[in-house]
Amino acid sequence: MSEPRAYMRHIRQLGYCSRGARKYFARHSMDWSAFLRDGIPCSTLEATGDGLMIQLAQRARETG
């Protein structure tokens, strides 16, 4: 079974600002275009230790 992934829909569900998320990805050397295209593994978000990214991963795990 593949690992759950977070997608833009999860960012929207949480009411996060896409501009802020894009800047966050850039600061942490995460590929925004790849995220939009393919999503991002929840474990990658959780490994940041950032509360907002952990919430994003949790939402993705809960809602698929």
C-alpha atoms as a PDB file:
ATOM      1  CA  MET A   1       0.000   0.000   0.000  1.00  0.00           C
ATOM      2  CA  SER A   2       1.330   3.427  -0.886  1.00  0.00           C
ATOM      3  CA  GLU A   3       1.812   6.192   1.632  1.00  0.00           C
ATOM      4  CA  PRO A   4      -0.940   8.812   1.926  1.00  0.00           C
ATOM      5  CA  ARG A   5      -0.233  12.075   0.130  1.00  0.00           C
ATOM      6  CA  ALA A   6      -1.412  15.610   0.741  1.00  0.00           C
ATOM      7  CA  TYR A   7      -2.784  17.645  -2.140  1.00  0.00           C
ATOM      8  CA  MET A   8      -3.906  21.188  -2.774  1.00  0.00           C
ATOM      9  CA  ARG A   9      -7.464  20.208  -1.834  1.00  0.00           C
ATOM     10  CA  HIS A  10      -6.236  19.516   1.695  1.00  0.00           C
ATOM     11  CA  ILE A  11      -4.660  22.966   1.917  1.00  0.00           C
ATOM     12  CA  ARG A  12      -8.002  24.449   0.858  1.00  0.00           C
ATOM     13  CA  GLN A  13      -9.965  22.293   3.322  1.00  0.00           C
ATOM     14  CA  LEU A  14      -7.886  23.690   6.168  1.00  0.00           C
ATOM     15  CA  GLY A  15      -8.330  27.252   4.932  1.00  0.00           C
ATOM     16  CA  TYR A  16      -4.598  27.732   4.461  1.00  0.00           C
ATOM     17  CA  CYS A  17      -3.440  30.485   2.151  1.00  0.00           C
ATOM     18  CA  SER A  18      -2.007  29.027  -1.067  1.00  0.00           C
ATOM     19  CA  ARG A  19       0.433  31.939  -1.385  1.00  0.00           C
ATOM     20  CA  GLY A  20       1.745  31.257   2.120  1.00  0.00           C
ATOM     21  CA  ALA A  21       1.970  27.530   1.425  1.00  0.00           C
ATOM     22  CA  ARG A  22       3.928  28.206  -1.743  1.00  0.00           C
ATOM     23  CA  LYS A  23       6.375  30.408   0.178  1.00  0.00           C
ATOM     24  CA  TYR A  24       6.697  27.746   2.877  1.00  0.00           C
ATOM     25  CA  PHE A  25       7.552  25.135   0.247  1.00  0.00           C
ATOM     26  CA  ALA A  26      10.186  27.442  -1.254  1.00  0.00           C
ATOM     27  CA  ARG A  27      11.789  28.138   2.151  1.00  0.00           C
ATOM     28  CA  HIS A  28      12.045  24.409   2.799  1.00  0.00           C
ATOM     29  CA  SER A  29      13.300  23.491  -0.693  1.00  0.00           C
ATOM     30  CA  MET A  30      10.109  21.603  -1.522  1.00  0.00           C
ATOM     31  CA  ASP A  31       9.015  21.552  -5.157  1.00  0.00           C
ATOM     32  CA  TRP A  32       5.696  23.433  -5.382  1.00  0.00           C
ATOM     33  CA  SER A  33       5.029  22.376  -8.988  1.00  0.00           C
ATOM     34  CA  ALA A  34       5.576  18.715  -8.107  1.00  0.00           C
ATOM     35  CA  PHE A  35       3.246  19.137  -5.124  1.00  0.00           C
ATOM     36  CA  LEU A  36       0.518  20.575  -7.336  1.00  0.00           C
ATOM     37  CA  ARG A  37       0.985  17.778  -9.857  1.00  0.00           C
ATOM     38  CA  ASP A  38       1.574  14.755  -7.594  1.00  0.00           C
ATOM     39  CA  GLY A  39       0.904  15.748  -3.994  1.00  0.00           C
ATOM     40  CA  ILE A  40       3.476  15.193  -1.259  1.00  0.00           C
ATOM     41  CA  PRO A  41       3.927  12.238   1.099  1.00  0.00           C
ATOM     42  CA  CYS A  42       2.496  12.901   4.537  1.00  0.00           C
ATOM     43  CA  SER A  43       5.740  11.708   6.125  1.00  0.00           C
ATOM     44  CA  THR A  44       7.623  14.516   4.334  1.00  0.00           C
ATOM     45  CA  LEU A  45       5.288  17.085   5.855  1.00  0.00           C
ATOM     46  CA  GLU A  46       5.480  15.509   9.296  1.00  0.00           C
ATOM     47  CA  ALA A  47       9.279  15.450   9.162  1.00  0.00           C
ATOM     48  CA  THR A  48       9.313  19.263   9.034  1.00  0.00           C
ATOM     49  CA  GLY A  49       8.140  19.348  12.649  1.00  0.00           C
ATOM     50  CA  ASP A  50       5.979  22.358  11.747  1.00  0.00           C
ATOM     51  CA  GLY A  51       2.541  22.321  13.356  1.00  0.00           C
ATOM     52  CA  LEU A  52       0.726  23.554  10.255  1.00  0.00           C
ATOM     53  CA  MET A  53       2.360  20.937   8.043  1.00  0.00           C
ATOM     54  CA  ILE A  54       1.570  18.225  10.593  1.00  0.00           C
ATOM     55  CA  GLN A  55      -2.075  19.335  10.534  1.00  0.00           C
ATOM     56  CA  LEU A  56      -2.000  19.171   6.738  1.00  0.00           C
ATOM     57  CA  ALA A  57      -0.654  15.628   6.872  1.00  0.00           C
ATOM     58  CA  GLN A  58      -3.310  14.639   9.416  1.00  0.00           C
ATOM     59  CA  ARG A  59      -6.065  16.056   7.209  1.00  0.00           C
ATOM     60  CA  ALA A  60      -4.744  14.157   4.218  1.00  0.00           C
ATOM     61  CA  ARG A  61      -4.608  10.921   6.229  1.00  0.00           C
ATOM     62  CA  GLU A  62      -8.163  11.442   7.494  1.00  0.00           C
ATOM     63  CA  THR A  63      -9.833  12.410   4.229  1.00  0.00           C
ATOM     64  CA  GLY A  64      -7.710  10.693   1.639  1.00  0.00           C
END
